[in-house]
Structure formats: C-alpha cells, structure tokens
Amino acid sequence: MSDKKTAREIHPSAPIVSSEHLTSQDSWPLSEFEYGMIIAHNGFTRWMIRCMQAAGYADFSSLDILVLHNVNHRGRQKKLVDICFVLHVEDQHTVNYSLKKLVKNGLVQREKHGKEIYYSASEKGVTACAKYREVREQCLTSAYRSLDKEGSEISQTAALLRLMSGLYDQASRAASSL
C-alpha cells in the first residue's frame, strides 16, 4: 500500500485535476490551476478557429490566427523575431510557417529592408481581422459583459496568468539544466 493520499482523502470536495499522480499534498491548487489552463487553452484555441471560420476564413490554425492579429496590431510592420517575442513562441520556424501561409492567402504582405523582412497586414488581412472582431463581438464579448461588469476579475486573472507564465518559464529553464 502506498503512503500517498488521494485527492479525496486530502480534500473531501476533491479538486479537479488532470493528473493526480503529479500532485503532492501541498500542490493541489497548482494542479487545479494547470487543469484550468489546459481546458482554457483548448477552449480558446477552438474558439479562435471557429471564429475565423465564421468570419469567412477557414483552414487556419490558432497560431496562424494569432500571428495575423499580431501583424495587424497597431498597423506597424513587424519582424519575425518580434512576432515570436510578443507571442512568446520559442520555435521561430512555426511562426515563419504561419507567415508564409498568411502571405500565400493574401492576408499578410512582406517587405524586405536590407537583410530584414518586415510583415504587415494586407488590406484583405485587415478586413479579415475586422470580420473576426464582428463575430467576436456578437458571440463572445456580449456574453463576457454580463459576467464581469467592471472587468476587475478578468484583469486580475490576466495578471495571475502572466505571473504564472514567468514561473513556468523559470521552471523550464531549470529543467533544461538538469
């Protein structure tokens, strides 16, 4: 018999975790948080793809959509390395692939300045982002407004996610050195 207690033995109203075998007695809240991130990530990914489809642009991955919105952000040209930095993507080749796909579909344009390539949203890309926003307003934002009137809970959650992101980054660096 194992000395490790199960979630139900530690907490009568057991926390919802994805991998009970990864938890220790004092880390249940972290495991609950991780499970929340897993389902939030998958729900958000599914939402982005369906929203883009409803806007009239099918066959784009969630990363493609994030890259398009980042390239369109503030109407400024951006370099690959800057897009990766803002989106916190380590593998540049995945973002580069998305950029090529978006250029091929006419949503993003590229311009070479010396050795650097700069990307910006094309007119079609700006239109796609505007249509995405319309669907977002109709399907998501209206529901969100009824949840958090002042936006304070959402802002606090966003701050917590950014903080936890730093913790996971630090832990991944530590794991790389083992």
Protein backbone atom coordinates (compact mmCIF):
# COMPACT_ATOMS: atom_id res chain seq x y z
CA MET A 1 0.00 0.00 0.00
CA SER A 2 1.18 3.48 -0.83
CA ASP A 3 1.53 6.27 1.74
CA LYS A 4 0.43 8.80 -0.86
CA LYS A 5 -3.06 10.07 -0.16
CA THR A 6 -5.58 10.54 -2.91
CA ALA A 7 -7.31 13.85 -3.63
CA ARG A 8 -10.49 12.68 -1.93
CA GLU A 9 -8.58 11.73 1.24
CA ILE A 10 -6.91 15.15 1.42
CA HIS A 11 -9.90 17.23 0.31
CA PRO A 12 -13.42 15.90 0.87
CA SER A 13 -14.59 18.01 -2.07
CA ALA A 14 -11.73 16.85 -4.28
CA PRO A 15 -10.14 19.39 -6.59
CA ILE A 16 -10.44 18.80 -10.29
CA VAL A 17 -7.01 17.93 -11.66
CA SER A 18 -5.88 16.26 -14.87
CA SER A 19 -3.05 14.18 -13.40
CA GLU A 20 -3.45 13.25 -9.75
CA HIS A 21 -0.21 11.27 -9.87
CA LEU A 22 1.75 14.54 -10.33
CA THR A 23 0.49 16.19 -7.17
CA SER A 24 1.87 16.27 -3.68
CA GLN A 25 -0.14 17.07 -0.56
CA ASP A 26 0.58 20.77 -0.75
CA SER A 27 0.40 21.23 -4.55
CA TRP A 28 -3.27 20.53 -5.26
CA PRO A 29 -4.05 24.18 -6.03
CA LEU A 30 -1.26 24.23 -8.63
CA SER A 31 -2.66 21.09 -10.25
CA GLU A 32 -6.14 22.63 -10.28
CA PHE A 33 -4.69 25.74 -11.91
CA GLU A 34 -2.89 23.63 -14.53
CA TYR A 35 -6.07 21.75 -15.38
CA GLY A 36 -7.86 25.08 -15.71
CA MET A 37 -5.14 26.26 -18.10
CA ILE A 38 -5.43 23.05 -20.14
CA ILE A 39 -9.16 23.38 -20.68
CA ALA A 40 -8.96 27.17 -21.15
CA HIS A 41 -6.20 26.75 -23.75
CA ASN A 42 -8.15 24.14 -25.66
CA GLY A 43 -11.37 26.14 -25.46
CA PHE A 44 -9.61 29.33 -26.59
CA THR A 45 -7.89 27.53 -29.47
CA ARG A 46 -11.19 26.04 -30.61
CA TRP A 47 -12.86 29.46 -30.31
CA MET A 48 -10.24 31.23 -32.45
CA ILE A 49 -10.52 28.66 -35.23
CA ARG A 50 -14.35 28.70 -35.21
CA CYS A 51 -14.46 32.50 -35.02
CA MET A 52 -12.13 32.79 -38.01
CA GLN A 53 -14.26 30.26 -39.93
CA ALA A 54 -17.42 32.23 -39.11
CA ALA A 55 -15.65 35.36 -40.38
CA GLY A 56 -15.19 33.56 -43.70
CA TYR A 57 -11.61 32.36 -43.42
CA ALA A 58 -11.25 28.61 -42.99
CA ASP A 59 -8.19 26.36 -42.78
CA PHE A 60 -6.17 28.48 -40.37
CA SER A 61 -4.60 27.14 -37.19
CA SER A 62 -4.77 29.01 -33.91
CA LEU A 63 -1.14 30.08 -34.36
CA ASP A 64 -1.92 31.40 -37.85
CA ILE A 65 -4.73 33.48 -36.37
CA LEU A 66 -2.59 34.79 -33.50
CA VAL A 67 0.14 35.76 -35.98
CA LEU A 68 -2.35 37.55 -38.24
CA HIS A 69 -3.76 39.57 -35.34
CA ASN A 70 -0.26 40.39 -34.09
CA VAL A 71 0.89 41.51 -37.54
CA ASN A 72 -2.24 43.68 -37.82
CA HIS A 73 -1.77 45.14 -34.32
CA ARG A 74 -1.32 48.92 -34.45
CA GLY A 75 -0.79 48.83 -38.21
CA ARG A 76 3.00 48.61 -37.89
CA GLN A 77 5.41 46.40 -39.80
CA LYS A 78 6.96 43.64 -37.71
CA LYS A 79 9.94 41.30 -37.96
CA LEU A 80 9.69 37.55 -37.36
CA VAL A 81 11.73 37.77 -34.17
CA ASP A 82 9.42 40.48 -32.76
CA ILE A 83 6.29 38.46 -33.54
CA CYS A 84 7.80 35.44 -31.77
CA PHE A 85 8.80 37.58 -28.79
CA VAL A 86 5.35 39.14 -28.33
CA LEU A 87 3.52 35.84 -28.78
CA HIS A 88 6.06 34.09 -26.54
CA VAL A 89 6.79 31.43 -29.17
CA GLU A 90 10.20 29.81 -28.91
CA ASP A 91 10.17 27.92 -32.22
CA GLN A 92 10.55 30.61 -34.88
CA HIS A 93 10.01 28.12 -37.68
CA THR A 94 6.36 27.61 -36.62
CA VAL A 95 5.68 31.35 -36.80
CA ASN A 96 7.60 31.56 -40.08
CA TYR A 97 5.38 28.79 -41.48
CA SER A 98 2.27 30.72 -40.38
CA LEU A 99 3.60 33.88 -42.01
CA LYS A 100 4.22 32.03 -45.29
CA LYS A 101 0.70 30.60 -45.17
CA LEU A 102 -0.81 34.03 -44.46
CA VAL A 103 1.23 35.64 -47.27
CA LYS A 104 0.14 32.87 -49.67
CA ASN A 105 -3.51 33.54 -48.75
CA GLY A 106 -3.09 37.28 -49.26
CA LEU A 107 -3.73 38.25 -45.62
CA VAL A 108 -0.17 39.37 -44.89
CA GLN A 109 2.39 41.09 -47.06
CA ARG A 110 6.15 41.09 -46.69
CA GLU A 111 8.66 43.76 -47.49
CA LYS A 112 12.43 43.44 -47.46
CA HIS A 113 14.57 46.24 -46.00
CA GLY A 114 18.20 45.27 -46.46
CA LYS A 115 18.56 41.82 -44.91
CA GLU A 116 15.44 42.13 -42.74
CA ILE A 117 11.95 41.06 -43.78
CA TYR A 118 9.05 43.04 -42.36
CA TYR A 119 5.47 41.81 -42.29
CA SER A 120 2.24 43.77 -42.26
CA ALA A 121 -1.42 43.00 -42.76
CA SER A 122 -2.66 43.41 -46.31
CA GLU A 123 -5.98 45.09 -46.99
CA LYS A 124 -7.53 41.61 -47.10
CA GLY A 125 -5.87 40.82 -43.75
CA VAL A 126 -7.22 43.99 -42.15
CA THR A 127 -10.69 43.06 -43.45
CA ALA A 128 -10.33 39.52 -42.04
CA CYS A 129 -9.41 40.94 -38.62
CA ALA A 130 -12.40 43.30 -38.75
CA LYS A 131 -14.76 40.42 -39.61
CA TYR A 132 -13.22 38.36 -36.79
CA ARG A 133 -13.92 41.25 -34.44
CA GLU A 134 -17.56 41.40 -35.56
CA VAL A 135 -18.04 37.69 -34.82
CA ARG A 136 -16.18 38.13 -31.52
CA GLU A 137 -18.49 40.99 -30.52
CA GLN A 138 -21.59 39.02 -31.46
CA CYS A 139 -20.66 35.69 -29.87
CA LEU A 140 -18.17 36.33 -27.08
CA THR A 141 -17.99 39.94 -25.94
CA SER A 142 -21.72 40.23 -25.33
CA ALA A 143 -21.59 37.19 -23.01
CA TYR A 144 -18.44 38.48 -21.28
CA ARG A 145 -20.08 41.82 -20.48
CA SER A 146 -22.74 40.08 -18.41
CA LEU A 147 -20.09 38.26 -16.33
CA ASP A 148 -17.79 41.00 -15.10
CA LYS A 149 -19.25 44.49 -15.25
CA GLU A 150 -16.07 46.31 -14.20
CA GLY A 151 -13.52 43.96 -15.74
CA SER A 152 -11.57 43.74 -12.50
CA GLU A 153 -11.76 39.95 -12.09
CA ILE A 154 -10.66 39.35 -15.67
CA SER A 155 -7.77 41.82 -15.26
CA GLN A 156 -6.66 40.13 -12.03
CA THR A 157 -6.81 36.73 -13.71
CA ALA A 158 -4.76 38.04 -16.64
CA ALA A 159 -2.14 39.37 -14.21
CA LEU A 160 -2.04 35.98 -12.46
CA LEU A 161 -1.58 34.20 -15.79
CA ARG A 162 1.33 36.49 -16.71
CA LEU A 163 2.88 35.86 -13.29
CA MET A 164 2.46 32.09 -13.61
CA SER A 165 3.91 32.25 -17.13
CA GLY A 166 7.13 33.62 -15.62
CA LEU A 167 7.14 30.85 -13.02
CA TYR A 168 6.74 28.18 -15.71
CA ASP A 169 9.46 29.83 -17.84
CA GLN A 170 11.85 29.79 -14.90
CA ALA A 171 10.99 26.16 -14.16
CA SER A 172 11.53 25.18 -17.81
CA ARG A 173 15.00 26.79 -17.75
CA ALA A 174 15.80 24.89 -14.56
CA ALA A 175 14.56 21.63 -16.10
CA SER A 176 16.76 22.25 -19.16
CA SER A 177 19.84 22.35 -16.97
CA LEU A 178 19.14 19.02 -15.23
